[in-house]
N, C-alpha and C. Protein backbone atom coordinates (compact mmCIF):
# COMPACT_ATOMS: atom_id res chain seq x y z
N MET A 1 15.68 -3.31 -10.16
CA MET A 1 14.25 -3.24 -10.09
C MET A 1 13.64 -3.03 -11.47
N LEU A 2 14.25 -2.17 -12.26
CA LEU A 2 13.71 -1.92 -13.61
C LEU A 2 13.80 -3.16 -14.49
N ARG A 3 14.83 -3.98 -14.28
CA ARG A 3 14.94 -5.24 -15.03
C ARG A 3 13.79 -6.17 -14.66
N GLU A 4 13.44 -6.24 -13.38
CA GLU A 4 12.30 -7.06 -12.94
C GLU A 4 11.00 -6.57 -13.55
N LEU A 5 10.84 -5.25 -13.65
CA LEU A 5 9.64 -4.68 -14.25
C LEU A 5 9.45 -5.20 -15.67
N VAL A 6 10.52 -5.20 -16.46
CA VAL A 6 10.44 -5.69 -17.84
C VAL A 6 10.10 -7.18 -17.85
N GLU A 7 10.77 -7.97 -17.00
CA GLU A 7 10.52 -9.42 -16.96
C GLU A 7 9.09 -9.75 -16.57
N GLU A 8 8.55 -9.03 -15.57
CA GLU A 8 7.24 -9.36 -15.02
C GLU A 8 6.08 -8.77 -15.80
N THR A 9 6.30 -7.63 -16.50
CA THR A 9 5.17 -6.95 -17.14
C THR A 9 5.39 -6.58 -18.60
N GLY A 10 6.62 -6.64 -19.08
CA GLY A 10 6.91 -6.19 -20.44
C GLY A 10 7.07 -4.68 -20.54
N LEU A 11 6.90 -3.95 -19.43
CA LEU A 11 7.00 -2.49 -19.45
C LEU A 11 8.43 -2.04 -19.17
N LEU A 12 8.83 -0.96 -19.82
CA LEU A 12 10.12 -0.33 -19.56
C LEU A 12 9.89 0.88 -18.67
N GLY A 13 10.78 1.12 -17.74
CA GLY A 13 10.70 2.29 -16.87
C GLY A 13 11.97 3.10 -16.96
N ARG A 14 11.84 4.41 -16.85
CA ARG A 14 13.00 5.29 -16.93
C ARG A 14 13.67 5.45 -15.57
N ARG A 15 12.86 5.58 -14.50
CA ARG A 15 13.41 5.82 -13.16
C ARG A 15 12.53 5.17 -12.12
N ALA A 16 13.15 4.55 -11.10
CA ALA A 16 12.41 3.92 -10.00
C ALA A 16 12.86 4.53 -8.68
N THR A 17 11.89 4.84 -7.82
CA THR A 17 12.16 5.37 -6.50
C THR A 17 11.46 4.49 -5.47
N MET A 18 12.20 4.01 -4.46
CA MET A 18 11.58 3.18 -3.43
C MET A 18 10.70 4.08 -2.55
N ILE A 19 9.43 3.67 -2.37
CA ILE A 19 8.50 4.46 -1.56
C ILE A 19 8.05 3.72 -0.30
N GLY A 20 8.45 2.47 -0.15
CA GLY A 20 8.05 1.75 1.05
C GLY A 20 8.66 0.36 1.11
N THR A 21 8.68 -0.19 2.32
CA THR A 21 9.15 -1.56 2.54
C THR A 21 8.23 -2.23 3.54
N HIS A 22 8.20 -3.54 3.50
CA HIS A 22 7.45 -4.32 4.49
C HIS A 22 8.13 -5.67 4.64
N GLN A 23 8.22 -6.13 5.88
CA GLN A 23 8.80 -7.44 6.17
C GLN A 23 7.75 -8.30 6.85
N HIS A 24 7.60 -9.51 6.39
CA HIS A 24 6.66 -10.46 7.00
C HIS A 24 7.42 -11.74 7.31
N ILE A 25 7.38 -12.15 8.57
CA ILE A 25 8.06 -13.37 9.00
C ILE A 25 7.05 -14.29 9.66
N ASP A 26 7.01 -15.53 9.21
CA ASP A 26 6.23 -16.57 9.89
C ASP A 26 7.08 -17.84 9.88
N PRO A 27 6.62 -18.92 10.49
CA PRO A 27 7.47 -20.13 10.57
C PRO A 27 7.93 -20.69 9.22
N GLU A 28 7.20 -20.43 8.16
CA GLU A 28 7.55 -21.01 6.86
C GLU A 28 8.13 -20.02 5.86
N HIS A 29 8.00 -18.72 6.11
CA HIS A 29 8.41 -17.72 5.12
C HIS A 29 9.07 -16.52 5.79
N HIS A 30 9.96 -15.90 5.07
CA HIS A 30 10.50 -14.59 5.44
C HIS A 30 10.41 -13.75 4.17
N LEU A 31 9.48 -12.83 4.15
CA LEU A 31 9.16 -12.05 2.96
C LEU A 31 9.56 -10.60 3.18
N ILE A 32 10.31 -10.04 2.24
CA ILE A 32 10.63 -8.61 2.27
C ILE A 32 10.07 -8.01 0.99
N VAL A 33 9.18 -7.04 1.14
CA VAL A 33 8.52 -6.39 0.01
C VAL A 33 9.11 -5.00 -0.15
N LEU A 34 9.59 -4.68 -1.34
CA LEU A 34 10.10 -3.35 -1.67
C LEU A 34 9.12 -2.72 -2.65
N ILE A 35 8.57 -1.56 -2.29
CA ILE A 35 7.55 -0.90 -3.10
C ILE A 35 8.19 0.30 -3.80
N HIS A 36 8.03 0.37 -5.11
CA HIS A 36 8.65 1.43 -5.91
C HIS A 36 7.62 2.21 -6.71
N ARG A 37 7.92 3.48 -6.92
CA ARG A 37 7.20 4.30 -7.89
C ARG A 37 8.10 4.33 -9.13
N VAL A 38 7.52 4.06 -10.29
CA VAL A 38 8.29 4.04 -11.54
C VAL A 38 7.79 5.16 -12.44
N GLU A 39 8.72 5.92 -12.98
CA GLU A 39 8.38 7.01 -13.89
C GLU A 39 8.87 6.67 -15.30
N GLY A 40 8.24 7.27 -16.27
CA GLY A 40 8.64 7.10 -17.66
C GLY A 40 8.33 5.73 -18.22
N LEU A 41 7.13 5.23 -17.93
CA LEU A 41 6.75 3.90 -18.42
C LEU A 41 6.49 3.93 -19.92
N SER A 42 6.94 2.86 -20.59
CA SER A 42 6.64 2.68 -22.00
C SER A 42 6.58 1.19 -22.29
N GLY A 43 6.08 0.86 -23.45
CA GLY A 43 5.97 -0.54 -23.84
C GLY A 43 4.55 -1.04 -23.73
N SER A 44 4.39 -2.31 -24.01
CA SER A 44 3.08 -2.95 -23.99
C SER A 44 3.03 -3.97 -22.85
N MET A 45 2.06 -3.81 -21.94
CA MET A 45 1.98 -4.69 -20.78
C MET A 45 1.52 -6.09 -21.16
N HIS A 46 2.20 -7.08 -20.61
CA HIS A 46 1.79 -8.48 -20.73
C HIS A 46 2.34 -9.22 -19.52
N PRO A 47 1.69 -10.29 -19.09
CA PRO A 47 2.16 -11.01 -17.90
C PRO A 47 3.46 -11.75 -18.17
N GLY A 48 4.28 -11.85 -17.12
CA GLY A 48 5.48 -12.67 -17.20
C GLY A 48 5.10 -14.14 -17.21
N ASP A 49 6.09 -15.01 -17.29
CA ASP A 49 5.79 -16.44 -17.39
C ASP A 49 5.24 -17.05 -16.11
N ASP A 50 5.27 -16.31 -15.00
CA ASP A 50 4.77 -16.84 -13.73
C ASP A 50 3.43 -16.22 -13.32
N ALA A 51 2.76 -15.53 -14.24
CA ALA A 51 1.48 -14.87 -13.92
C ALA A 51 0.45 -15.17 -15.00
N ALA A 52 -0.80 -15.23 -14.59
CA ALA A 52 -1.89 -15.48 -15.54
C ALA A 52 -2.25 -14.22 -16.32
N GLU A 53 -2.13 -13.04 -15.66
CA GLU A 53 -2.48 -11.80 -16.34
C GLU A 53 -1.78 -10.62 -15.68
N ALA A 54 -1.73 -9.52 -16.39
CA ALA A 54 -1.21 -8.25 -15.88
C ALA A 54 -2.17 -7.17 -16.35
N ALA A 55 -2.52 -6.23 -15.45
CA ALA A 55 -3.50 -5.21 -15.81
C ALA A 55 -3.33 -3.98 -14.94
N TRP A 56 -3.74 -2.83 -15.48
CA TRP A 56 -3.83 -1.60 -14.70
C TRP A 56 -5.19 -1.61 -14.02
N VAL A 57 -5.23 -1.27 -12.74
CA VAL A 57 -6.50 -1.17 -12.02
C VAL A 57 -6.49 0.12 -11.20
N PRO A 58 -7.65 0.78 -11.05
CA PRO A 58 -7.70 1.98 -10.22
C PRO A 58 -7.44 1.63 -8.76
N LEU A 59 -6.66 2.47 -8.06
CA LEU A 59 -6.42 2.23 -6.64
C LEU A 59 -7.72 2.12 -5.86
N SER A 60 -8.73 2.89 -6.26
CA SER A 60 -10.01 2.88 -5.54
C SER A 60 -10.73 1.55 -5.64
N SER A 61 -10.36 0.70 -6.61
CA SER A 61 -11.04 -0.59 -6.76
C SER A 61 -10.40 -1.70 -5.93
N LEU A 62 -9.26 -1.42 -5.30
CA LEU A 62 -8.57 -2.45 -4.52
C LEU A 62 -9.20 -2.57 -3.14
N THR A 63 -9.49 -3.79 -2.72
CA THR A 63 -10.11 -4.04 -1.42
C THR A 63 -9.13 -4.78 -0.51
N PRO A 64 -9.31 -4.68 0.81
CA PRO A 64 -8.40 -5.35 1.75
C PRO A 64 -8.32 -6.85 1.49
N GLN A 65 -7.09 -7.39 1.58
CA GLN A 65 -6.89 -8.82 1.34
C GLN A 65 -6.02 -9.45 2.43
N ASN A 66 -4.86 -8.88 2.70
CA ASN A 66 -3.99 -9.37 3.76
C ASN A 66 -3.06 -8.23 4.16
N SER A 67 -2.34 -8.38 5.25
CA SER A 67 -1.56 -7.27 5.78
C SER A 67 -0.49 -6.78 4.81
N THR A 68 0.20 -7.67 4.12
CA THR A 68 1.24 -7.25 3.19
C THR A 68 0.63 -6.49 2.02
N PHE A 69 -0.42 -7.02 1.44
CA PHE A 69 -1.09 -6.37 0.32
C PHE A 69 -1.65 -5.02 0.75
N ASP A 70 -2.27 -4.96 1.94
CA ASP A 70 -2.86 -3.71 2.42
C ASP A 70 -1.80 -2.63 2.62
N LEU A 71 -0.61 -3.00 3.12
CA LEU A 71 0.47 -2.03 3.27
C LEU A 71 0.96 -1.54 1.92
N PHE A 72 1.00 -2.43 0.96
CA PHE A 72 1.38 -2.07 -0.41
C PHE A 72 0.41 -1.04 -0.98
N VAL A 73 -0.88 -1.30 -0.85
CA VAL A 73 -1.91 -0.37 -1.36
C VAL A 73 -1.82 0.96 -0.63
N ALA A 74 -1.62 0.95 0.68
CA ALA A 74 -1.51 2.19 1.45
C ALA A 74 -0.31 3.02 0.97
N ALA A 75 0.82 2.37 0.69
CA ALA A 75 1.99 3.09 0.19
C ALA A 75 1.72 3.70 -1.18
N LEU A 76 1.04 2.96 -2.05
CA LEU A 76 0.70 3.49 -3.37
C LEU A 76 -0.22 4.70 -3.26
N LYS A 77 -1.25 4.59 -2.42
CA LYS A 77 -2.20 5.70 -2.27
C LYS A 77 -1.52 6.93 -1.68
N ALA A 78 -0.63 6.73 -0.72
CA ALA A 78 0.06 7.86 -0.09
C ALA A 78 1.01 8.55 -1.06
N ASN A 79 1.48 7.84 -2.06
CA ASN A 79 2.45 8.39 -3.00
C ASN A 79 1.89 8.61 -4.39
N SER A 80 0.57 8.54 -4.55
CA SER A 80 -0.01 8.75 -5.87
C SER A 80 -0.07 10.24 -6.18
N LYS A 81 0.05 10.54 -7.47
CA LYS A 81 0.02 11.95 -7.91
C LYS A 81 -1.37 12.34 -8.28
């Protein structure tokens, strides 16, 4: 997971703890989402080659979008310090 963090954002993490999971199945996709809390972040954030941008946003600014995203936001809010 920490290797993916570096690839996707340019950030290094010291420790990752899984805080939630979600599975979504439909006729065309089977998606498993693993949600992690990462501690000890360092480095400079930049988007990976498959994203237009990467940014920090306040949890309070996130609005409902779809069931998978909403579960992700709920897990983050429940585990925020």
